[in-house]
Amino acid sequence: MRKLVLILVTVIYTFSLYGQDGDNAKKKKDYDFTDNSKGTSMMPIIGDVISAIQYLEDSLGVEVVRIEYDIIQEKKTSYRTLHTGYNYGIVAVGDYRVKKIKLEAYAKKGKKWKLLNTNARNSYLALLSVEPSKTAEYAFDIIIEEFSEGHSAAHYAIIYYH
């Protein structure tokens, strides 16, 4: 799993970024993934996620089943029903304002959430693997442990695949 995270980080930095539309899936388009002058654009995180998806689908042959984007200051929780028979990978990606991100997975036991797995990185990317013992709703906490200097909020994405 550690090797996969390192590969993903390398891929995000090195892949050329492109978008595809349904009418012309083979036509490459150039997009500007830099932030706007207000620092509020989603384009930087979109660019990072496009590269990650391209690697996951093309190189690992997995199916991306959900992507969620949002703004984050400290912590956000994402919920997803996971099904038995699949081994899920969950990737949390922070934009350029994130220095260190952490991802935690929880399963509901009775009325309480029990920690299943956690992954903290000294980077803007964290990865977990979850193989559910039963089909149920799971919770995933995305936690920003450190922002880049001068920032107290960022955009993030969480990618679920199997």
Protein backbone atom coordinates (compact mmCIF):
# COMPACT_ATOMS: atom_id res chain seq x y z
CA MET A 1 0.00 0.00 0.00
CA ARG A 2 2.89 2.38 0.79
CA LYS A 3 4.30 1.76 -2.67
CA LEU A 4 0.93 2.67 -4.24
CA VAL A 5 0.84 5.98 -2.38
CA LEU A 6 4.35 6.85 -3.55
CA ILE A 7 3.43 5.93 -7.11
CA LEU A 8 0.28 8.07 -6.93
CA VAL A 9 2.23 11.06 -5.66
CA THR A 10 4.76 10.65 -8.47
CA VAL A 11 2.03 10.24 -11.06
CA ILE A 12 0.16 13.35 -9.96
CA TYR A 13 3.32 15.39 -10.46
CA THR A 14 4.35 13.86 -13.76
CA PHE A 15 1.23 13.04 -15.79
CA SER A 16 0.10 15.59 -18.32
CA LEU A 17 -3.36 16.82 -17.47
CA TYR A 18 -6.25 16.63 -19.89
CA GLY A 19 -10.02 16.44 -19.96
CA GLN A 20 -12.31 14.44 -22.23
CA ASP A 21 -15.85 15.10 -23.30
CA GLY A 22 -18.48 12.54 -24.26
CA ASP A 23 -18.75 13.69 -27.88
CA ASN A 24 -15.08 13.38 -28.65
CA ALA A 25 -13.44 11.15 -26.03
CA LYS A 26 -10.14 10.97 -27.89
CA LYS A 27 -9.71 14.71 -28.33
CA LYS A 28 -7.36 16.17 -25.73
CA LYS A 29 -8.14 19.58 -24.31
CA ASP A 30 -5.88 21.98 -22.51
CA TYR A 31 -7.18 23.35 -19.25
CA ASP A 32 -5.65 25.85 -16.89
CA PHE A 33 -5.42 24.18 -13.48
CA THR A 34 -3.98 27.19 -11.69
CA ASP A 35 -5.93 29.00 -9.02
CA ASN A 36 -7.72 32.28 -9.69
CA SER A 37 -6.62 35.63 -8.28
CA LYS A 38 -8.95 35.21 -5.27
CA GLY A 39 -7.53 31.77 -4.44
CA THR A 40 -10.98 30.17 -4.59
CA SER A 41 -10.88 28.04 -7.73
CA MET A 42 -11.49 24.29 -7.69
CA MET A 43 -9.24 23.91 -10.75
CA PRO A 44 -6.03 23.03 -8.82
CA ILE A 45 -7.68 20.06 -7.06
CA ILE A 46 -9.50 19.02 -10.25
CA GLY A 47 -6.15 18.84 -12.05
CA ASP A 48 -4.62 16.67 -9.34
CA VAL A 49 -7.62 14.33 -9.31
CA ILE A 50 -7.65 13.91 -13.10
CA SER A 51 -4.08 12.63 -12.93
CA ALA A 52 -4.90 10.29 -10.04
CA ILE A 53 -7.97 8.87 -11.83
CA GLN A 54 -6.01 8.37 -15.01
CA TYR A 55 -3.40 6.39 -13.09
CA LEU A 56 -5.94 4.37 -11.09
CA GLU A 57 -8.00 3.37 -14.12
CA ASP A 58 -5.33 3.02 -16.79
CA SER A 59 -2.39 1.64 -14.79
CA LEU A 60 -4.07 -0.24 -11.94
CA GLY A 61 -7.22 -1.25 -13.84
CA VAL A 62 -9.56 -0.32 -11.01
CA GLU A 63 -13.00 1.28 -11.20
CA VAL A 64 -13.48 4.70 -9.63
CA VAL A 65 -16.94 4.57 -8.02
CA ARG A 66 -17.22 7.96 -6.35
CA ILE A 67 -15.46 11.31 -6.13
CA GLU A 68 -16.34 14.06 -3.69
CA TYR A 69 -14.91 17.58 -3.64
CA ASP A 70 -15.31 20.20 -0.95
CA ILE A 71 -13.61 22.97 0.95
CA ILE A 72 -12.03 22.03 4.26
CA GLN A 73 -10.67 23.90 7.25
CA GLU A 74 -9.83 21.11 9.68
CA LYS A 75 -11.95 18.01 9.23
CA LYS A 76 -14.76 16.69 7.03
CA THR A 77 -16.61 13.39 7.13
CA SER A 78 -17.72 11.51 4.04
CA TYR A 79 -20.12 8.55 4.10
CA ARG A 80 -20.24 5.70 1.62
CA THR A 81 -21.98 2.33 1.48
CA LEU A 82 -19.36 -0.32 0.83
CA HIS A 83 -20.34 -3.78 -0.41
CA THR A 84 -18.90 -7.17 0.54
CA GLY A 85 -16.95 -8.84 -2.20
CA TYR A 86 -14.95 -5.71 -3.02
CA ASN A 87 -11.66 -4.41 -1.71
CA TYR A 88 -11.95 -0.62 -1.73
CA GLY A 89 -9.23 1.94 -2.00
CA ILE A 90 -9.94 5.41 -0.68
CA VAL A 91 -7.65 8.31 -1.54
CA ALA A 92 -7.83 11.76 0.06
CA VAL A 93 -6.12 14.50 -1.93
CA GLY A 94 -5.55 18.04 -0.71
CA ASP A 95 -4.78 20.94 -3.02
CA TYR A 96 -1.60 23.04 -2.94
CA ARG A 97 -2.62 24.57 0.42
CA VAL A 98 -2.36 21.19 2.20
CA LYS A 99 0.98 20.04 3.57
CA LYS A 100 -0.18 17.02 5.57
CA ILE A 101 -3.49 15.14 5.27
CA LYS A 102 -4.87 12.23 7.27
CA LEU A 103 -7.62 9.75 6.39
CA GLU A 104 -9.55 7.61 8.89
CA ALA A 105 -12.10 4.86 8.15
CA TYR A 106 -14.94 3.96 10.53
CA ALA A 107 -17.55 1.19 10.64
CA LYS A 108 -20.73 1.50 12.67
CA LYS A 109 -20.98 -0.91 15.59
CA GLY A 110 -24.39 -0.54 17.17
CA LYS A 111 -24.85 3.20 17.59
CA LYS A 112 -21.14 4.06 17.70
CA TRP A 113 -18.47 4.40 15.04
CA LYS A 114 -15.39 2.17 15.43
CA LEU A 115 -12.05 3.13 13.88
CA LEU A 116 -11.02 0.55 11.27
CA ASN A 117 -7.96 2.05 9.68
CA THR A 118 -6.00 5.28 9.51
CA ASN A 119 -3.30 6.74 7.29
CA ALA A 120 -1.41 9.97 7.83
CA ARG A 121 1.16 11.24 5.37
CA ASN A 122 3.71 13.98 5.32
CA SER A 123 2.12 15.02 2.05
CA TYR A 124 -1.15 16.18 0.55
CA LEU A 125 -2.20 12.58 -0.23
CA ALA A 126 -3.44 9.75 2.03
CA LEU A 127 -4.61 6.28 1.03
CA LEU A 128 -6.57 3.55 2.82
CA SER A 129 -7.73 0.09 1.91
CA VAL A 130 -11.01 -1.33 3.27
CA GLU A 131 -12.43 -4.79 2.65
CA PRO A 132 -15.89 -4.69 4.25
CA SER A 133 -17.03 -7.75 6.18
CA LYS A 134 -20.64 -6.74 5.49
CA THR A 135 -22.46 -4.35 3.19
CA ALA A 136 -22.98 -1.22 5.27
CA GLU A 137 -22.41 2.50 5.51
CA TYR A 138 -18.88 3.53 6.42
CA ALA A 139 -17.55 6.92 7.48
CA PHE A 140 -14.30 8.50 6.34
CA ASP A 141 -12.75 11.46 8.13
CA ILE A 142 -10.51 13.71 6.07
CA ILE A 143 -8.30 15.67 8.47
CA ILE A 144 -5.87 18.42 7.55
CA GLU A 145 -3.00 18.08 10.00
CA GLU A 146 -0.95 20.88 8.47
CA PHE A 147 -1.61 23.62 5.95
CA SER A 148 0.97 25.29 3.76
CA GLU A 149 2.21 28.53 5.27
CA GLY A 150 -0.37 31.30 5.21
CA HIS A 151 -3.40 29.05 4.66
CA SER A 152 -6.18 27.89 6.97
CA ALA A 153 -8.53 26.36 4.38
CA ALA A 154 -8.16 24.32 1.21
CA HIS A 155 -10.02 22.18 -1.29
CA TYR A 156 -9.87 18.42 -1.06
CA ALA A 157 -11.15 15.41 -2.95
CA ILE A 158 -11.89 11.91 -1.74
CA ILE A 159 -11.81 9.16 -4.34
CA TYR A 160 -13.37 5.74 -3.80
CA TYR A 161 -12.40 2.86 -6.08
CA HIS A 162 -12.49 -0.92 -6.28
